[in-house]
Each structure stands twice: as structure tokens, then as C-alpha cells.
Amino acid sequence: MEQQQKRDLVVMGVAGSGKTTLAQYLSQALGYHYLEGDDFHSPEGKALMASGQPLSSSLRERWVETLCQQLGQHRLAGQPVVLSYSGLIARHRQQIRQAGNRPLFIYLCGDRALLLRRLEQRQGHFMPPSQLDNQLSTMEPPSGEADVLTLALDCPPAEVLTQVLAQLRQGQ
């Protein structure tokens, strides 16, 4: 009997939620390939966000399409992936579901004050703290989406790993 390919993981949340840190941790702990969603923004998109403007719908659509292409390539190669990306819009999450291998979404959510504090301390990132409120208002929470594990921002990484492993065992 052929062994089923491991599920992809998608770590999502607004800027400052700790997506990158958690996704890198999970990637290393599980031996999955890591994809940083920010790396796939176009230069135009990065410049727009750096200037304090949100992505246009067309730029966001092209970005999600690029992420889907990446997920599809890894799925075809039999490589499980951990993707960090905002996941703000429900229909985009659906596109990610279709492109990836039965992805489990890990939604990091929490308090605006903590998010803002994290963004103000962050160095060398194109997204300014001024974009937080736009992301919070754009976020379509994944309520009722069965493949989403919702976690608090301050959940320790080791506890997250334990919860993710339990979820993966249930969903295999």
C-alpha cells in the first residue's frame, strides 16, 4: 500500500503575529520545506506596502497565484511544505487549499497592542507598523473552516508543535 504524502502546513495571521518564526520552527522540527510568503511578493507590491499602502486586489491575486504555483510544484515533487502567509481573505485560503496537499492552517491571532509592539520592534522588514489596522480590517477570520487550528500569539512554540502534531495525527 502506498504511503500518503504528509500534509502541508500554512501559518497565517496579520503582520507581527509571528508567522515566520513559527513556520521556520515547524519546518525545522518536521523536516518540511519552508516557503516564506513575503519572498513571493512582486517588487511593485513590496514597494507599495513599504510606502504605507495596502496591496491592490490585482497584486494580491497575483501573489496568491504565485504561492499556489509553489505549493503545486512541491506537492507534485512529494515535498511537504510549511508556508507562512497572511491568509487574510477566505477565497485566497480556498485557492491555497486546492493547490497544496491537504493543508492544515495555523491561525495566529491576538491583541492589537501586542501586534503593534512587535511590529515597532521589528527591523529590516518592508511592512511598516502603519499597515496593521488595514490588515486587521481586511482579515476574514477562518471561523467554521474545519482545517484551521487557531492559536494565541503568545503560545510557546513547543506547545504549538505538540498541537500541530496531534492535529496531523488526527487528519492523516
N, C-alpha and C. Protein backbone atom coordinates (compact mmCIF):
# COMPACT_ATOMS: atom_id res chain seq x y z
N MET A 1 0.84 -1.19 0.00
CA MET A 1 0.00 0.00 0.00
C MET A 1 0.88 1.25 0.00
N GLU A 2 0.54 2.22 -0.83
CA GLU A 2 1.32 3.43 -0.96
C GLU A 2 1.07 4.34 0.25
N GLN A 3 2.15 4.91 0.80
CA GLN A 3 2.02 5.80 1.94
C GLN A 3 1.51 7.17 1.47
N GLN A 4 0.57 7.73 2.23
CA GLN A 4 0.02 9.03 1.87
C GLN A 4 1.04 10.13 2.15
N GLN A 5 1.13 11.10 1.25
CA GLN A 5 2.04 12.23 1.43
C GLN A 5 1.62 13.04 2.65
N LYS A 6 2.62 13.57 3.35
CA LYS A 6 2.36 14.39 4.54
C LYS A 6 1.63 15.67 4.14
N ARG A 7 0.75 16.13 5.04
CA ARG A 7 0.01 17.37 4.80
C ARG A 7 0.92 18.58 4.86
N ASP A 8 0.60 19.58 4.04
CA ASP A 8 1.28 20.87 4.14
C ASP A 8 0.75 21.61 5.36
N LEU A 9 1.55 22.56 5.85
CA LEU A 9 1.14 23.45 6.93
C LEU A 9 1.18 24.88 6.42
N VAL A 10 0.17 25.65 6.79
CA VAL A 10 0.11 27.07 6.40
C VAL A 10 -0.06 27.87 7.68
N VAL A 11 0.96 28.65 8.02
CA VAL A 11 0.92 29.50 9.20
C VAL A 11 0.46 30.88 8.75
N MET A 12 -0.69 31.31 9.29
CA MET A 12 -1.31 32.55 8.81
C MET A 12 -1.62 33.50 9.96
N GLY A 13 -1.76 34.77 9.62
CA GLY A 13 -2.11 35.81 10.57
C GLY A 13 -1.65 37.14 10.03
N VAL A 14 -2.05 38.19 10.70
CA VAL A 14 -1.66 39.54 10.26
C VAL A 14 -0.19 39.78 10.56
N ALA A 15 0.33 40.90 10.06
CA ALA A 15 1.72 41.28 10.30
C ALA A 15 1.98 41.34 11.80
N GLY A 16 3.13 40.80 12.20
CA GLY A 16 3.52 40.83 13.60
C GLY A 16 3.01 39.67 14.43
N SER A 17 2.29 38.75 13.80
CA SER A 17 1.71 37.63 14.56
C SER A 17 2.73 36.53 14.85
N GLY A 18 3.88 36.57 14.21
CA GLY A 18 4.90 35.56 14.45
C GLY A 18 4.87 34.41 13.46
N LYS A 19 4.26 34.65 12.30
CA LYS A 19 4.15 33.60 11.28
C LYS A 19 5.50 33.04 10.87
N THR A 20 6.42 33.91 10.55
CA THR A 20 7.72 33.48 10.05
C THR A 20 8.46 32.67 11.11
N THR A 21 8.50 33.16 12.33
CA THR A 21 9.20 32.46 13.41
C THR A 21 8.62 31.07 13.62
N LEU A 22 7.30 30.99 13.70
CA LEU A 22 6.66 29.69 13.93
C LEU A 22 6.84 28.77 12.73
N ALA A 23 6.68 29.30 11.52
CA ALA A 23 6.82 28.46 10.33
C ALA A 23 8.23 27.90 10.21
N GLN A 24 9.24 28.72 10.49
CA GLN A 24 10.62 28.23 10.45
C GLN A 24 10.84 27.15 11.51
N TYR A 25 10.29 27.35 12.70
CA TYR A 25 10.41 26.37 13.78
C TYR A 25 9.77 25.04 13.35
N LEU A 26 8.54 25.11 12.82
CA LEU A 26 7.85 23.88 12.40
C LEU A 26 8.59 23.20 11.25
N SER A 27 9.10 23.98 10.32
CA SER A 27 9.84 23.44 9.19
C SER A 27 11.05 22.65 9.67
N GLN A 28 11.79 23.22 10.59
CA GLN A 28 12.97 22.54 11.13
C GLN A 28 12.58 21.31 11.94
N ALA A 29 11.55 21.46 12.77
CA ALA A 29 11.15 20.35 13.65
C ALA A 29 10.60 19.16 12.87
N LEU A 30 9.92 19.44 11.76
CA LEU A 30 9.27 18.37 10.99
C LEU A 30 10.05 17.95 9.74
N GLY A 31 11.08 18.73 9.39
CA GLY A 31 11.83 18.43 8.17
C GLY A 31 11.08 18.77 6.90
N TYR A 32 10.16 19.74 6.98
CA TYR A 32 9.40 20.19 5.82
C TYR A 32 10.15 21.32 5.13
N HIS A 33 9.89 21.50 3.84
CA HIS A 33 10.45 22.64 3.09
C HIS A 33 9.72 23.91 3.56
N TYR A 34 10.45 25.00 3.72
CA TYR A 34 9.87 26.25 4.19
C TYR A 34 9.70 27.24 3.03
N LEU A 35 8.50 27.81 2.93
CA LEU A 35 8.22 28.87 1.97
C LEU A 35 7.78 30.12 2.73
N GLU A 36 8.51 31.19 2.58
CA GLU A 36 8.16 32.48 3.19
C GLU A 36 7.32 33.25 2.19
N GLY A 37 6.04 33.44 2.49
CA GLY A 37 5.14 34.13 1.57
C GLY A 37 5.64 35.49 1.13
N ASP A 38 6.27 36.23 2.04
CA ASP A 38 6.76 37.56 1.70
C ASP A 38 7.78 37.53 0.57
N ASP A 39 8.51 36.42 0.45
CA ASP A 39 9.52 36.32 -0.61
C ASP A 39 8.91 36.30 -2.00
N PHE A 40 7.62 36.05 -2.09
CA PHE A 40 6.97 35.91 -3.40
C PHE A 40 6.15 37.14 -3.80
N HIS A 41 6.22 38.21 -2.99
CA HIS A 41 5.61 39.47 -3.41
C HIS A 41 6.42 40.05 -4.56
N SER A 42 5.74 40.69 -5.47
CA SER A 42 6.45 41.37 -6.56
C SER A 42 7.19 42.59 -5.99
N PRO A 43 8.22 43.06 -6.69
CA PRO A 43 8.88 44.29 -6.26
C PRO A 43 7.88 45.46 -6.14
N GLU A 44 6.93 45.50 -7.05
CA GLU A 44 5.90 46.55 -7.01
C GLU A 44 5.07 46.44 -5.73
N GLY A 45 4.69 45.22 -5.37
CA GLY A 45 3.91 45.01 -4.16
C GLY A 45 4.67 45.39 -2.90
N LYS A 46 5.93 45.00 -2.85
CA LYS A 46 6.76 45.35 -1.69
C LYS A 46 6.93 46.86 -1.57
N ALA A 47 7.15 47.53 -2.71
CA ALA A 47 7.32 48.99 -2.69
C ALA A 47 6.04 49.67 -2.23
N LEU A 48 4.92 49.17 -2.69
CA LEU A 48 3.63 49.74 -2.30
C LEU A 48 3.43 49.62 -0.79
N MET A 49 3.66 48.42 -0.26
CA MET A 49 3.48 48.21 1.18
C MET A 49 4.49 49.03 1.99
N ALA A 50 5.73 49.11 1.52
CA ALA A 50 6.76 49.88 2.22
C ALA A 50 6.39 51.36 2.29
N SER A 51 5.63 51.84 1.29
CA SER A 51 5.21 53.24 1.29
C SER A 51 3.98 53.48 2.16
N GLY A 52 3.49 52.41 2.81
CA GLY A 52 2.34 52.56 3.70
C GLY A 52 1.01 52.28 3.05
N GLN A 53 1.02 51.77 1.81
CA GLN A 53 -0.21 51.47 1.09
C GLN A 53 -0.47 49.96 1.11
N PRO A 54 -1.73 49.56 1.21
CA PRO A 54 -2.02 48.13 1.13
C PRO A 54 -1.90 47.63 -0.31
N LEU A 55 -1.77 46.33 -0.45
CA LEU A 55 -1.75 45.73 -1.79
C LEU A 55 -3.07 45.98 -2.50
N SER A 56 -3.00 46.20 -3.79
CA SER A 56 -4.23 46.27 -4.59
C SER A 56 -4.76 44.85 -4.74
N SER A 57 -6.02 44.73 -5.12
CA SER A 57 -6.61 43.40 -5.32
C SER A 57 -5.85 42.61 -6.38
N SER A 58 -5.46 43.27 -7.47
CA SER A 58 -4.77 42.54 -8.54
C SER A 58 -3.39 42.07 -8.09
N LEU A 59 -2.66 42.90 -7.33
CA LEU A 59 -1.35 42.48 -6.82
C LEU A 59 -1.51 41.32 -5.83
N ARG A 60 -2.53 41.39 -4.98
CA ARG A 60 -2.77 40.32 -4.01
C ARG A 60 -3.12 39.03 -4.73
N GLU A 61 -3.95 39.13 -5.79
CA GLU A 61 -4.33 37.94 -6.57
C GLU A 61 -3.11 37.29 -7.22
N ARG A 62 -2.25 38.10 -7.82
CA ARG A 62 -1.05 37.56 -8.48
C ARG A 62 -0.13 36.89 -7.46
N TRP A 63 -0.03 37.49 -6.25
CA TRP A 63 0.80 36.93 -5.19
C TRP A 63 0.26 35.56 -4.77
N VAL A 64 -1.04 35.47 -4.56
CA VAL A 64 -1.63 34.19 -4.15
C VAL A 64 -1.46 33.15 -5.26
N GLU A 65 -1.61 33.55 -6.50
CA GLU A 65 -1.39 32.62 -7.62
C GLU A 65 0.04 32.09 -7.61
N THR A 66 1.00 32.96 -7.32
CA THR A 66 2.40 32.53 -7.25
C THR A 66 2.60 31.54 -6.10
N LEU A 67 1.98 31.82 -4.96
CA LEU A 67 2.08 30.89 -3.83
C LEU A 67 1.48 29.54 -4.19
N CYS A 68 0.35 29.57 -4.87
CA CYS A 68 -0.31 28.32 -5.30
C CYS A 68 0.58 27.53 -6.25
N GLN A 69 1.25 28.23 -7.16
CA GLN A 69 2.18 27.54 -8.07
C GLN A 69 3.30 26.86 -7.29
N GLN A 70 3.83 27.56 -6.30
CA GLN A 70 4.89 26.98 -5.47
C GLN A 70 4.38 25.73 -4.73
N LEU A 71 3.21 25.84 -4.13
CA LEU A 71 2.64 24.70 -3.41
C LEU A 71 2.42 23.52 -4.35
N GLY A 72 1.90 23.80 -5.53
CA GLY A 72 1.65 22.74 -6.51
C GLY A 72 2.93 22.04 -6.93
N GLN A 73 3.99 22.80 -7.14
CA GLN A 73 5.27 22.21 -7.52
C GLN A 73 5.80 21.28 -6.42
N HIS A 74 5.70 21.72 -5.18
CA HIS A 74 6.17 20.91 -4.06
C HIS A 74 5.28 19.67 -3.87
N ARG A 75 3.97 19.84 -4.06
CA ARG A 75 3.06 18.70 -3.95
C ARG A 75 3.43 17.63 -4.98
N LEU A 76 3.64 18.06 -6.23
CA LEU A 76 4.00 17.12 -7.29
C LEU A 76 5.34 16.43 -7.03
N ALA A 77 6.25 17.14 -6.36
CA ALA A 77 7.56 16.57 -6.03
C ALA A 77 7.51 15.71 -4.76
N GLY A 78 6.34 15.67 -4.11
CA GLY A 78 6.21 14.88 -2.88
C GLY A 78 6.89 15.50 -1.68
N GLN A 79 7.09 16.83 -1.70
CA GLN A 79 7.75 17.53 -0.61
C GLN A 79 6.73 18.28 0.24
N PRO A 80 6.55 17.89 1.50
CA PRO A 80 5.64 18.66 2.35
C PRO A 80 6.24 20.04 2.64
N VAL A 81 5.37 21.01 2.80
CA VAL A 81 5.76 22.41 2.91
C VAL A 81 5.15 23.04 4.15
N VAL A 82 5.89 23.98 4.73
CA VAL A 82 5.34 24.93 5.70
C VAL A 82 5.39 26.28 5.01
N LEU A 83 4.22 26.88 4.81
CA LEU A 83 4.10 28.19 4.18
C LEU A 83 3.68 29.21 5.22
N SER A 84 4.38 30.33 5.28
CA SER A 84 3.91 31.45 6.11
C SER A 84 3.35 32.51 5.15
N TYR A 85 2.10 32.87 5.41
CA TYR A 85 1.47 33.93 4.59
C TYR A 85 0.27 34.45 5.36
N SER A 86 -0.15 35.66 5.06
CA SER A 86 -1.16 36.33 5.88
C SER A 86 -2.51 35.61 5.90
N GLY A 87 -2.96 35.10 4.78
CA GLY A 87 -4.24 34.39 4.75
C GLY A 87 -5.43 35.27 5.10
N LEU A 88 -5.36 36.52 4.73
CA LEU A 88 -6.39 37.48 5.13
C LEU A 88 -7.77 37.19 4.53
N ILE A 89 -7.81 36.67 3.33
CA ILE A 89 -9.07 36.57 2.58
C ILE A 89 -9.46 35.11 2.37
N ALA A 90 -10.71 34.80 2.70
CA ALA A 90 -11.19 33.41 2.68
C ALA A 90 -11.04 32.76 1.31
N ARG A 91 -11.37 33.45 0.24
CA ARG A 91 -11.28 32.82 -1.08
C ARG A 91 -9.83 32.50 -1.45
N HIS A 92 -8.89 33.30 -0.95
CA HIS A 92 -7.48 33.00 -1.19
C HIS A 92 -7.05 31.77 -0.41
N ARG A 93 -7.58 31.60 0.80
CA ARG A 93 -7.28 30.39 1.57
C ARG A 93 -7.81 29.17 0.82
N GLN A 94 -8.96 29.33 0.17
CA GLN A 94 -9.51 28.22 -0.60
C GLN A 94 -8.59 27.87 -1.77
N GLN A 95 -8.03 28.87 -2.42
CA GLN A 95 -7.08 28.61 -3.50
C GLN A 95 -5.86 27.85 -2.97
N ILE A 96 -5.37 28.25 -1.81
CA ILE A 96 -4.23 27.58 -1.18
C ILE A 96 -4.59 26.13 -0.87
N ARG A 97 -5.80 25.90 -0.38
CA ARG A 97 -6.26 24.53 -0.10
C ARG A 97 -6.20 23.67 -1.35
N GLN A 98 -6.65 24.22 -2.45
CA GLN A 98 -6.70 23.46 -3.70
C GLN A 98 -5.31 23.19 -4.27
N ALA A 99 -4.37 24.10 -4.03
CA ALA A 99 -3.02 23.95 -4.59
C ALA A 99 -2.13 23.05 -3.74
N GLY A 100 -2.31 23.12 -2.44
CA GLY A 100 -1.44 22.38 -1.53
C GLY A 100 -1.93 20.96 -1.31
N ASN A 101 -1.19 20.24 -0.48
CA ASN A 101 -1.55 18.87 -0.13
C ASN A 101 -2.29 18.86 1.20
N ARG A 102 -3.62 18.90 1.13
CA ARG A 102 -4.48 18.85 2.32
C ARG A 102 -3.95 19.75 3.43
N PRO A 103 -3.72 21.03 3.17
CA PRO A 103 -3.04 21.87 4.16
C PRO A 103 -3.82 22.02 5.46
N LEU A 104 -3.05 22.03 6.55
CA LEU A 104 -3.56 22.40 7.86
C LEU A 104 -3.15 23.84 8.08
N PHE A 105 -4.13 24.71 8.32
CA PHE A 105 -3.87 26.12 8.57
C PHE A 105 -3.70 26.34 10.07
N ILE A 106 -2.71 27.13 10.42
CA ILE A 106 -2.47 27.50 11.82
C ILE A 106 -2.64 29.02 11.86
N TYR A 107 -3.73 29.45 12.48
CA TYR A 107 -4.09 30.87 12.51
C TYR A 107 -3.63 31.47 13.83
N LEU A 108 -2.68 32.40 13.74
CA LEU A 108 -2.16 33.09 14.92
C LEU A 108 -2.92 34.40 15.08
N CYS A 109 -3.60 34.54 16.19
CA CYS A 109 -4.39 35.75 16.38
C CYS A 109 -4.21 36.26 17.80
N GLY A 110 -4.50 37.53 17.96
CA GLY A 110 -4.36 38.11 19.29
C GLY A 110 -4.57 39.61 19.30
N ASP A 111 -4.12 40.16 20.34
CA ASP A 111 -4.33 41.53 20.75
C ASP A 111 -3.60 42.55 19.86
N ARG A 112 -4.31 43.59 19.44
CA ARG A 112 -3.72 44.62 18.57
C ARG A 112 -2.50 45.28 19.21
N ALA A 113 -2.57 45.55 20.51
CA ALA A 113 -1.45 46.21 21.18
C ALA A 113 -0.18 45.37 21.11
N LEU A 114 -0.31 44.06 21.31
CA LEU A 114 0.85 43.17 21.22
C LEU A 114 1.38 43.13 19.78
N LEU A 115 0.49 43.03 18.81
CA LEU A 115 0.90 43.04 17.41
C LEU A 115 1.66 44.32 17.07
N LEU A 116 1.12 45.47 17.49
CA LEU A 116 1.76 46.75 17.19
C LEU A 116 3.14 46.84 17.85
N ARG A 117 3.23 46.39 19.09
CA ARG A 117 4.52 46.40 19.79
C ARG A 117 5.55 45.55 19.04
N ARG A 118 5.12 44.38 18.58
CA ARG A 118 6.04 43.52 17.82
C ARG A 118 6.49 44.19 16.52
N LEU A 119 5.54 44.83 15.82
CA LEU A 119 5.88 45.49 14.55
C LEU A 119 6.84 46.66 14.78
N GLU A 120 6.64 47.38 15.86
CA GLU A 120 7.51 48.52 16.14
C GLU A 120 8.92 48.08 16.50
N GLN A 121 9.07 46.85 17.00
CA GLN A 121 10.39 46.32 17.36
C GLN A 121 11.07 45.61 16.19
N ARG A 122 10.31 45.31 15.16
CA ARG A 122 10.83 44.54 14.02
C ARG A 122 11.77 45.41 13.19
N GLN A 123 12.86 44.82 12.77
CA GLN A 123 13.88 45.53 11.98
C GLN A 123 13.97 44.93 10.59
N GLY A 124 14.17 45.78 9.58
CA GLY A 124 14.50 45.31 8.25
C GLY A 124 13.37 44.67 7.47
N HIS A 125 12.13 44.98 7.79
CA HIS A 125 11.00 44.41 7.05
C HIS A 125 10.31 45.52 6.28
N PHE A 126 9.84 45.20 5.08
CA PHE A 126 9.23 46.23 4.23
C PHE A 126 7.87 46.71 4.73
N MET A 127 7.18 45.93 5.56
CA MET A 127 5.83 46.29 6.01
C MET A 127 5.91 47.18 7.25
N PRO A 128 5.47 48.44 7.12
CA PRO A 128 5.53 49.33 8.28
C PRO A 128 4.37 49.06 9.26
N PRO A 129 4.57 49.40 10.55
CA PRO A 129 3.53 49.21 11.55
C PRO A 129 2.20 49.91 11.18
N SER A 130 2.28 50.95 10.37
CA SER A 130 1.08 51.69 9.97
C SER A 130 0.08 50.83 9.18
N GLN A 131 0.54 49.68 8.67
CA GLN A 131 -0.34 48.81 7.89
C GLN A 131 -1.14 47.83 8.75
N LEU A 132 -0.87 47.79 10.06
CA LEU A 132 -1.54 46.81 10.92
C LEU A 132 -3.06 46.96 10.89
N ASP A 133 -3.55 48.17 11.06
CA ASP A 133 -5.01 48.35 11.10
C ASP A 133 -5.67 47.94 9.80
N ASN A 134 -5.00 48.19 8.68
CA ASN A 134 -5.55 47.74 7.40
C ASN A 134 -5.63 46.22 7.35
N GLN A 135 -4.58 45.56 7.82
CA GLN A 135 -4.61 44.09 7.81
C GLN A 135 -5.69 43.56 8.75
N LEU A 136 -5.81 44.17 9.91
CA LEU A 136 -6.84 43.72 10.86
C LEU A 136 -8.24 43.88 10.28
N SER A 137 -8.47 44.98 9.56
CA SER A 137 -9.81 45.19 8.99
C SER A 137 -10.05 44.31 7.76
N THR A 138 -8.98 43.93 7.07
CA THR A 138 -9.10 43.07 5.89
C THR A 138 -9.27 41.60 6.27
N MET A 139 -8.74 41.21 7.43
CA MET A 139 -8.76 39.80 7.85
C MET A 139 -10.19 39.28 7.92
N GLU A 140 -10.42 38.21 7.18
CA GLU A 140 -11.69 37.46 7.25
C GLU A 140 -11.38 36.24 8.11
N PRO A 141 -11.72 36.30 9.42
CA PRO A 141 -11.35 35.21 10.31
C PRO A 141 -11.85 33.86 9.79
N PRO A 142 -11.06 32.81 10.00
CA PRO A 142 -11.41 31.50 9.46
C PRO A 142 -12.41 30.72 10.32
N SER A 143 -13.39 31.41 10.86
CA SER A 143 -14.42 30.76 11.68
C SER A 143 -15.15 29.72 10.85
N GLY A 144 -15.28 28.53 11.39
CA GLY A 144 -16.01 27.48 10.70
C GLY A 144 -15.22 26.73 9.64
N GLU A 145 -13.96 27.08 9.45
CA GLU A 145 -13.12 26.36 8.49
C GLU A 145 -12.48 25.19 9.25
N ALA A 146 -12.88 23.98 8.90
CA ALA A 146 -12.54 22.79 9.68
C ALA A 146 -11.04 22.48 9.74
N ASP A 147 -10.28 22.95 8.76
CA ASP A 147 -8.86 22.62 8.70
C ASP A 147 -7.98 23.72 9.29
N VAL A 148 -8.54 24.49 10.23
CA VAL A 148 -7.80 25.61 10.83
C VAL A 148 -7.65 25.36 12.34
N LEU A 149 -6.41 25.46 12.79
CA LEU A 149 -6.08 25.40 14.21
C LEU A 149 -5.80 26.83 14.63
N THR A 150 -6.62 27.39 15.52
CA THR A 150 -6.46 28.77 15.95
C THR A 150 -5.67 28.80 17.25
N LEU A 151 -4.62 29.60 17.27
CA LEU A 151 -3.74 29.69 18.43
C LEU A 151 -3.50 31.14 18.82
N ALA A 152 -3.30 31.36 20.11
CA ALA A 152 -2.97 32.69 20.61
C ALA A 152 -1.54 33.04 20.24
N LEU A 153 -1.29 34.32 20.05
CA LEU A 153 0.03 34.81 19.66
C LEU A 153 1.13 34.39 20.61
N ASP A 154 0.79 34.32 21.88
CA ASP A 154 1.82 34.05 22.89
C ASP A 154 1.96 32.57 23.23
N CYS A 155 1.39 31.70 22.43
CA CYS A 155 1.51 30.26 22.66
C CYS A 155 2.96 29.84 22.41
N PRO A 156 3.62 29.18 23.37
CA PRO A 156 5.02 28.79 23.18
C PRO A 156 5.19 27.84 21.99
N PRO A 157 6.26 27.99 21.21
CA PRO A 157 6.46 27.16 20.02
C PRO A 157 6.38 25.65 20.30
N ALA A 158 6.91 25.20 21.43
CA ALA A 158 6.88 23.76 21.73
C ALA A 158 5.43 23.29 21.90
N GLU A 159 4.59 24.13 22.50
CA GLU A 159 3.18 23.78 22.66
C GLU A 159 2.47 23.76 21.30
N VAL A 160 2.83 24.71 20.46
CA VAL A 160 2.26 24.74 19.10
C VAL A 160 2.62 23.45 18.37
N LEU A 161 3.89 23.06 18.46
CA LEU A 161 4.33 21.84 17.80
C LEU A 161 3.53 20.63 18.30
N THR A 162 3.32 20.54 19.60
CA THR A 162 2.53 19.44 20.17
C THR A 162 1.12 19.44 19.59
N GLN A 163 0.48 20.61 19.53
CA GLN A 163 -0.88 20.71 18.99
C GLN A 163 -0.93 20.38 17.51
N VAL A 164 0.07 20.85 16.77
CA VAL A 164 0.11 20.58 15.33
C VAL A 164 0.30 19.08 15.07
N LEU A 165 1.21 18.45 15.80
CA LEU A 165 1.43 17.02 15.63
C LEU A 165 0.17 16.22 15.95
N ALA A 166 -0.54 16.62 17.00
CA ALA A 166 -1.80 15.94 17.34
C ALA A 166 -2.83 16.11 16.22
N GLN A 167 -2.90 17.31 15.68
CA GLN A 167 -3.84 17.59 14.59
C GLN A 167 -3.48 16.79 13.34
N LEU A 168 -2.19 16.70 13.05
CA LEU A 168 -1.74 15.94 11.88
C LEU A 168 -2.06 14.45 12.05
N ARG A 169 -1.88 13.92 13.26
CA ARG A 169 -2.21 12.51 13.50
C ARG A 169 -3.70 12.27 13.29
N GLN A 170 -4.54 13.20 13.75
CA GLN A 170 -5.99 13.08 13.58
C GLN A 170 -6.38 13.12 12.11
N GLY A 171 -5.72 14.01 11.34
CA GLY A 171 -6.12 14.25 9.96
C GLY A 171 -5.50 13.32 8.94
N GLN A 172 -4.60 12.44 9.34
CA GLN A 172 -3.93 11.55 8.37
C GLN A 172 -4.84 10.40 7.99
